[in-house]
Protein backbone atom coordinates (compact mmCIF):
# COMPACT_ATOMS: atom_id res chain seq x y z
CA MET A 1 104.74 85.49 110.75
CA PHE A 2 102.71 88.54 109.73
CA THR A 3 100.53 91.01 111.61
CA GLY A 4 97.81 91.74 109.05
CA ILE A 5 98.90 95.36 108.62
CA VAL A 6 99.01 95.76 104.84
CA GLU A 7 102.09 97.65 103.65
CA GLU A 8 100.92 98.49 100.16
CA LEU A 9 98.48 97.77 97.36
CA GLY A 10 100.38 95.83 94.72
CA GLU A 11 99.38 94.77 91.22
CA VAL A 12 99.45 91.50 89.30
CA THR A 13 101.55 92.10 86.18
CA ALA A 14 101.72 88.57 84.75
CA VAL A 15 100.13 85.16 85.28
CA GLU A 16 101.67 81.96 83.92
CA THR A 17 99.49 78.85 84.15
CA LEU A 18 101.45 75.64 84.74
CA ASP A 19 100.28 72.01 84.84
CA ASP A 20 99.39 72.00 88.54
CA ALA A 21 100.35 75.50 89.62
CA CYS A 22 100.52 79.18 88.66
CA ARG A 23 103.40 81.61 88.58
CA PHE A 24 102.49 85.18 89.41
CA ARG A 25 104.53 88.30 88.79
CA LEU A 26 103.55 91.11 91.11
CA ARG A 27 104.56 94.73 91.44
CA GLY A 28 105.22 96.16 94.89
CA PRO A 29 107.85 98.91 95.30
CA VAL A 30 107.72 98.75 99.11
CA VAL A 31 107.81 94.99 99.75
CA THR A 32 110.50 94.39 97.11
CA GLN A 33 113.00 96.64 98.87
CA GLY A 34 115.84 94.30 99.82
CA ALA A 35 113.85 91.25 98.70
CA LYS A 36 115.75 88.13 97.69
CA HIS A 37 115.08 84.59 96.55
CA GLY A 38 113.40 82.57 99.29
CA ASP A 39 111.88 85.50 101.17
CA SER A 40 108.23 85.40 102.20
CA ILE A 41 105.62 87.96 101.17
CA ALA A 42 101.93 87.75 102.00
CA VAL A 43 99.70 88.28 98.96
CA ASN A 44 96.05 88.81 99.93
CA GLY A 45 96.88 87.01 103.14
CA VAL A 46 98.61 84.02 101.52
CA CYS A 47 102.26 83.51 102.46
CA LEU A 48 104.21 83.09 99.20
CA THR A 49 107.89 82.55 98.53
CA VAL A 50 109.83 84.93 96.32
CA VAL A 51 111.22 82.97 93.35
CA ASP A 52 112.73 85.89 91.45
CA HIS A 53 113.04 89.61 92.03
CA GLU A 54 113.79 92.38 89.57
CA GLY A 55 113.24 96.08 90.16
CA ASP A 56 109.92 96.59 91.93
CA GLU A 57 108.50 93.24 90.82
CA PHE A 58 108.76 89.69 92.15
CA THR A 59 107.53 86.28 91.05
CA ALA A 60 105.99 83.59 93.21
CA ASP A 61 104.80 80.06 92.47
CA VAL A 62 101.40 78.99 93.80
CA MET A 63 100.73 75.25 94.07
CA ALA A 64 97.37 73.61 93.32
CA GLU A 65 96.59 73.17 97.04
CA THR A 66 96.90 76.91 97.62
CA LEU A 67 94.88 77.74 94.51
CA ASN A 68 92.11 75.41 95.69
CA ARG A 69 91.99 76.76 99.25
CA SER A 70 92.33 80.47 98.48
CA SER A 71 91.06 83.09 96.05
CA LEU A 72 94.43 83.47 94.32
CA GLY A 73 93.23 81.36 91.41
CA ALA A 74 90.85 84.17 90.46
CA LEU A 75 93.65 86.73 90.07
CA ALA A 76 94.37 88.15 86.63
CA VAL A 77 96.70 90.77 85.18
CA GLY A 78 95.79 94.20 86.52
CA PHE A 79 94.19 92.96 89.75
CA ARG A 80 95.21 94.82 92.90
CA VAL A 81 96.49 92.78 95.86
CA ASN A 82 97.38 93.42 99.50
CA LEU A 83 101.09 92.96 100.21
CA GLU A 84 102.92 92.55 103.51
CA ARG A 85 106.41 91.45 104.45
CA PRO A 86 106.99 89.21 107.51
CA THR A 87 107.30 90.87 110.89
CA ALA A 88 110.87 91.43 112.04
CA VAL A 89 111.81 90.31 115.55
CA GLY A 90 111.42 93.26 117.89
CA ASP A 91 108.90 95.13 115.74
CA ARG A 92 105.53 96.24 117.09
CA LEU A 93 102.69 93.76 116.61
CA GLY A 94 100.20 96.19 115.11
CA GLY A 95 97.48 93.70 114.22
CA HIS A 96 97.41 90.12 115.53
CA ILE A 97 99.36 86.92 114.89
CA VAL A 98 98.84 86.02 111.22
CA GLN A 99 100.47 82.96 109.67
CA GLY A 100 99.57 83.52 106.05
CA HIS A 101 97.92 80.09 105.98
CA VAL A 102 94.43 80.59 104.55
CA ASP A 103 91.70 78.55 106.25
CA GLY A 104 89.06 79.14 103.59
CA THR A 105 87.35 81.73 101.46
CA GLY A 106 84.34 83.94 102.00
CA GLU A 107 82.37 86.29 99.79
CA ILE A 108 81.49 89.93 100.16
CA LEU A 109 77.73 89.89 100.81
CA ASP A 110 76.91 93.51 101.48
CA ARG A 111 78.46 96.94 102.06
CA THR A 112 76.80 99.61 104.20
CA PRO A 113 78.54 102.99 103.93
CA SER A 114 78.45 105.57 106.68
CA GLU A 115 79.90 109.04 107.08
CA HIS A 116 83.13 107.91 108.72
CA TRP A 117 83.29 104.15 108.21
CA GLU A 118 81.76 101.27 106.26
CA ILE A 119 80.26 98.01 107.49
CA VAL A 120 81.10 95.02 105.30
CA LYS A 121 79.24 91.71 105.61
CA ILE A 122 81.19 88.60 104.59
CA SER A 123 80.04 84.99 104.27
CA LEU A 124 81.64 82.46 106.59
CA PRO A 125 82.19 78.75 105.84
CA ALA A 126 80.42 76.54 108.39
CA GLU A 127 83.63 74.83 109.46
CA LEU A 128 85.17 78.17 110.48
CA SER A 129 82.25 79.74 112.32
CA ARG A 130 83.23 78.32 115.72
CA TYR A 131 86.52 80.25 115.60
CA VAL A 132 84.91 83.64 114.93
CA VAL A 133 83.59 85.64 117.88
CA GLU A 134 82.35 89.17 118.43
CA LYS A 135 85.29 91.53 119.05
CA GLY A 136 87.71 88.77 118.07
CA SER A 137 90.35 88.99 115.34
CA ILE A 138 90.11 87.66 111.80
CA THR A 139 92.25 88.14 108.72
CA VAL A 140 90.44 89.07 105.49
CA ASP A 141 92.65 89.13 102.38
CA GLY A 142 95.62 89.60 104.69
CA ILE A 143 94.06 92.46 106.66
CA SER A 144 93.85 92.16 110.43
CA LEU A 145 90.29 93.13 111.38
CA THR A 146 88.04 93.09 114.43
CA VAL A 147 84.76 91.18 114.14
CA VAL A 148 81.73 93.40 114.82
CA ASP A 149 79.02 90.74 114.56
CA ALA A 150 79.50 86.98 114.31
CA GLY A 151 76.69 84.90 112.83
CA ARG A 152 76.54 81.22 111.94
CA ASP A 153 77.24 81.79 108.26
CA HIS A 154 78.54 85.36 108.15
CA PHE A 155 80.35 88.08 110.05
CA THR A 156 80.71 91.82 109.74
CA VAL A 157 83.66 94.17 110.05
CA SER A 158 83.82 97.94 110.30
CA LEU A 159 86.34 99.60 107.99
CA ILE A 160 87.90 102.98 108.67
CA PRO A 161 88.84 105.33 105.79
CA THR A 162 92.51 104.29 105.96
CA THR A 163 91.63 100.62 105.40
CA LEU A 164 89.27 101.54 102.57
CA ALA A 165 91.92 103.67 100.88
CA LEU A 166 94.97 101.43 101.30
CA THR A 167 93.64 97.87 100.84
CA THR A 168 91.60 95.82 98.40
CA LEU A 169 88.58 95.99 100.69
CA GLY A 170 88.10 99.53 99.45
CA ILE A 171 87.43 98.30 95.92
CA LYS A 172 85.89 94.85 96.35
CA LYS A 173 82.17 94.56 95.71
CA PRO A 174 79.41 92.10 96.65
CA GLY A 175 80.10 88.73 95.08
CA ASP A 176 83.90 89.09 95.20
CA PRO A 177 85.82 86.33 97.03
CA VAL A 178 88.14 86.99 99.98
CA ASN A 179 90.68 84.86 101.80
CA LEU A 180 89.99 84.12 105.46
CA GLU A 181 92.40 83.15 108.21
CA VAL A 182 90.94 82.70 111.68
CA ASP A 183 92.83 83.40 114.90
CA VAL A 184 95.36 80.58 115.30
CA ILE A 185 95.11 80.82 119.09
CA ALA A 186 91.49 79.67 118.89
CA LYS A 187 92.52 76.60 116.91
CA TYR A 188 95.24 75.68 119.42
CA VAL A 189 92.82 76.08 122.34
CA GLU A 190 90.27 73.84 120.62
CA ARG A 191 92.89 71.17 119.98
CA MET A 192 94.23 71.23 123.52
CA LEU A 193 90.78 71.11 125.11
CA GLY A 194 89.75 68.34 122.73
CA ASP A 195 92.77 66.25 123.68
CA ARG A 196 92.09 66.89 127.38
CA VAL A 197 88.47 65.78 127.10
CA ALA A 198 89.56 62.68 125.19
CA ASP A 199 92.17 61.84 127.86
CA GLU A 200 89.70 62.33 130.71
CA GLY A 201 87.13 60.20 128.95
CA GLY A 202 89.64 57.42 128.47
CA THR A 203 90.49 57.23 132.18
CA ARG A 204 86.96 56.99 133.49
């Protein structure tokens, strides 16, 4: 489990294309401290497994399913990525509950700078819009953010200088893809209420 509080901006140092997968080598001096084979690291919000680790770099395999459902397939050598290690038991939950299981991708539509923050408008797939509400939580490229405005096909977030300086949202521009993970609690509530309605309907 993650919290959506990005630990560092890493960099893609190598990409190996396989038959139905990709192997990425990524540099991240912070997240590789004490890393070992089998550990999890979130890369732009996608939970990946460490295959190999040497110095301040690690490799991770990404299967076709993940490439199809996320923006990782667009990564190339030199691209910057958000990196986060899993939350340790007993640590503070600084963001919200993030699984690292991407629900879909959006696209940066517009950026409106202000003196102390920046409003970013992001497209929202139709099948995810029901999970996104004003003042609710959403994960964008692994960053835990609060929704400012929730439309049918888009939402906006307000980014403080720290987020702009320490994550990929500071450098992404209109047209760039982002990974989206909606609040898992909303999905559980929908499932439980759906099952309840179905059960009640069956007993009438």
